[in-house]
């Protein structure tokens, strides 16, 4: 092999070794990333539950206010 081919093969070996290192690092981080994503998902689910309760509370307040208006004779004042 000539020097140019040898240099190109050496560059390829360096790139493959660098990629191997990066893959190893990513594989090592995978459990931590999965744990973080699970924690975020639990937080979003909990927030979704609280938001749902808040919406139902708002709807209940509107219905209660409408019922109070009707029971207080509010419809009698409309011409």
C-alpha atoms as a PDB file:
ATOM      1  CA  UNK A   1       0.000   0.000   0.000  1.00  0.00           C
ATOM      2  CA  UNK A   2       1.123   3.476  -0.682  1.00  0.00           C
ATOM      3  CA  UNK A   3       1.318   6.229   1.946  1.00  0.00           C
ATOM      4  CA  UNK A   4      -1.898   7.951   0.841  1.00  0.00           C
ATOM      5  CA  UNK A   5      -3.938   4.759   1.255  1.00  0.00           C
ATOM      6  CA  UNK A   6      -2.332   4.065   4.613  1.00  0.00           C
ATOM      7  CA  UNK A   7      -3.149   7.596   5.812  1.00  0.00           C
ATOM      8  CA  UNK A   8      -6.767   7.264   4.688  1.00  0.00           C
ATOM      9  CA  UNK A   9      -7.136   3.905   6.453  1.00  0.00           C
ATOM     10  CA  UNK A  10      -5.624   5.403   9.606  1.00  0.00           C
ATOM     11  CA  UNK A  11      -8.139   8.279   9.461  1.00  0.00           C
ATOM     12  CA  UNK A  12     -10.959   5.771   9.101  1.00  0.00           C
ATOM     13  CA  UNK A  13      -9.691   3.816  12.113  1.00  0.00           C
ATOM     14  CA  UNK A  14      -9.612   7.012  14.169  1.00  0.00           C
ATOM     15  CA  UNK A  15     -13.175   7.872  13.152  1.00  0.00           C
ATOM     16  CA  UNK A  16     -14.414   4.375  13.973  1.00  0.00           C
ATOM     17  CA  UNK A  17     -12.695   4.498  17.370  1.00  0.00           C
ATOM     18  CA  UNK A  18     -14.237   7.916  18.059  1.00  0.00           C
ATOM     19  CA  UNK A  19     -17.678   6.604  17.117  1.00  0.00           C
ATOM     20  CA  UNK A  20     -17.175   3.562  19.307  1.00  0.00           C
ATOM     21  CA  UNK A  21     -16.358   5.826  22.243  1.00  0.00           C
ATOM     22  CA  UNK A  22     -19.452   7.951  21.598  1.00  0.00           C
ATOM     23  CA  UNK A  23     -21.704   4.878  21.370  1.00  0.00           C
ATOM     24  CA  UNK A  24     -20.287   3.521  24.620  1.00  0.00           C
ATOM     25  CA  UNK A  25     -20.944   6.859  26.327  1.00  0.00           C
ATOM     26  CA  UNK A  26     -24.513   6.997  25.021  1.00  0.00           C
ATOM     27  CA  UNK A  27     -25.184   3.442  26.140  1.00  0.00           C
ATOM     28  CA  UNK A  28     -23.899   4.310  29.613  1.00  0.00           C
ATOM     29  CA  UNK A  29     -26.212   7.339  29.762  1.00  0.00           C
ATOM     30  CA  UNK A  30     -29.283   5.465  28.540  1.00  0.00           C
ATOM     31  CA  UNK A  31     -30.527   4.272  31.982  1.00  0.00           C
ATOM     32  CA  UNK A  32     -30.233   7.798  33.399  1.00  0.00           C
ATOM     33  CA  UNK A  33     -32.086   9.261  30.433  1.00  0.00           C
ATOM     34  CA  UNK A  34     -34.823   6.636  30.754  1.00  0.00           C
ATOM     35  CA  UNK A  35     -35.191   7.375  34.462  1.00  0.00           C
ATOM     36  CA  UNK A  36     -35.426  11.108  33.782  1.00  0.00           C
ATOM     37  CA  UNK A  37     -38.041  10.595  31.073  1.00  0.00           C
ATOM     38  CA  UNK A  38     -40.075   8.359  33.400  1.00  0.00           C
ATOM     39  CA  UNK A  39     -39.943  11.029  36.118  1.00  0.00           C
ATOM     40  CA  UNK A  40     -41.064  13.696  33.631  1.00  0.00           C
ATOM     41  CA  UNK A  41     -43.893  11.458  32.424  1.00  0.00           C
ATOM     42  CA  UNK A  42     -45.115  10.897  35.998  1.00  0.00           C
ATOM     43  CA  UNK A  43     -45.027  14.654  36.635  1.00  0.00           C
ATOM     44  CA  UNK A  44     -46.991  15.369  33.466  1.00  0.00           C
ATOM     45  CA  UNK A  45     -49.578  12.735  34.387  1.00  0.00           C
ATOM     46  CA  UNK A  46     -49.937  14.245  37.856  1.00  0.00           C
ATOM     47  CA  UNK A  47     -50.255  17.739  36.379  1.00  0.00           C
ATOM     48  CA  UNK A  48     -52.850  16.467  33.916  1.00  0.00           C
ATOM     49  CA  UNK A  49     -54.885  15.067  36.803  1.00  0.00           C
ATOM     50  CA  UNK A  50     -54.759  18.359  38.693  1.00  0.00           C
ATOM     51  CA  UNK A  51     -55.693  20.316  35.577  1.00  0.00           C
ATOM     52  CA  UNK A  52     -58.640  18.012  34.946  1.00  0.00           C
ATOM     53  CA  UNK A  53     -59.885  18.564  38.506  1.00  0.00           C
ATOM     54  CA  UNK A  54     -59.498  22.321  38.076  1.00  0.00           C
ATOM     55  CA  UNK A  55     -61.543  22.284  34.872  1.00  0.00           C
ATOM     56  CA  UNK A  56     -64.295  20.260  36.545  1.00  0.00           C
ATOM     57  CA  UNK A  57     -64.290  22.727  39.439  1.00  0.00           C
ATOM     58  CA  UNK A  58     -64.706  25.617  36.993  1.00  0.00           C
ATOM     59  CA  UNK A  59     -67.589  23.876  35.235  1.00  0.00           C
ATOM     60  CA  UNK A  60     -69.225  23.124  38.595  1.00  0.00           C
ATOM     61  CA  UNK A  61     -68.910  26.774  39.649  1.00  0.00           C
ATOM     62  CA  UNK A  62     -70.528  27.964  36.415  1.00  0.00           C
ATOM     63  CA  UNK A  63     -73.386  25.476  36.819  1.00  0.00           C
ATOM     64  CA  UNK A  64     -73.837  26.489  40.482  1.00  0.00           C
ATOM     65  CA  UNK A  65     -73.876  30.182  39.555  1.00  0.00           C
ATOM     66  CA  UNK A  66     -76.478  29.534  36.839  1.00  0.00           C
ATOM     67  CA  UNK A  67     -78.622  27.525  39.258  1.00  0.00           C
ATOM     68  CA  UNK A  68     -78.382  30.277  41.869  1.00  0.00           C
ATOM     69  CA  UNK A  69     -79.399  32.841  39.249  1.00  0.00           C
ATOM     70  CA  UNK A  70     -82.425  30.786  38.216  1.00  0.00           C
ATOM     71  CA  UNK A  71     -83.459  29.991  41.801  1.00  0.00           C
ATOM     72  CA  UNK A  72     -83.162  33.643  42.809  1.00  0.00           C
ATOM     73  CA  UNK A  73     -85.704  34.518  40.140  1.00  0.00           C
ATOM     74  CA  UNK A  74     -83.223  35.925  37.715  1.00  0.00           C
ATOM     75  CA  UNK A  75     -85.227  34.758  34.729  1.00  0.00           C
ATOM     76  CA  UNK A  76     -88.268  36.783  35.907  1.00  0.00           C
ATOM     77  CA  UNK A  77     -86.412  40.060  35.300  1.00  0.00           C
ATOM     78  CA  UNK A  78     -85.792  39.347  31.624  1.00  0.00           C
ATOM     79  CA  UNK A  79     -88.453  41.128  29.478  1.00  0.00           C
END
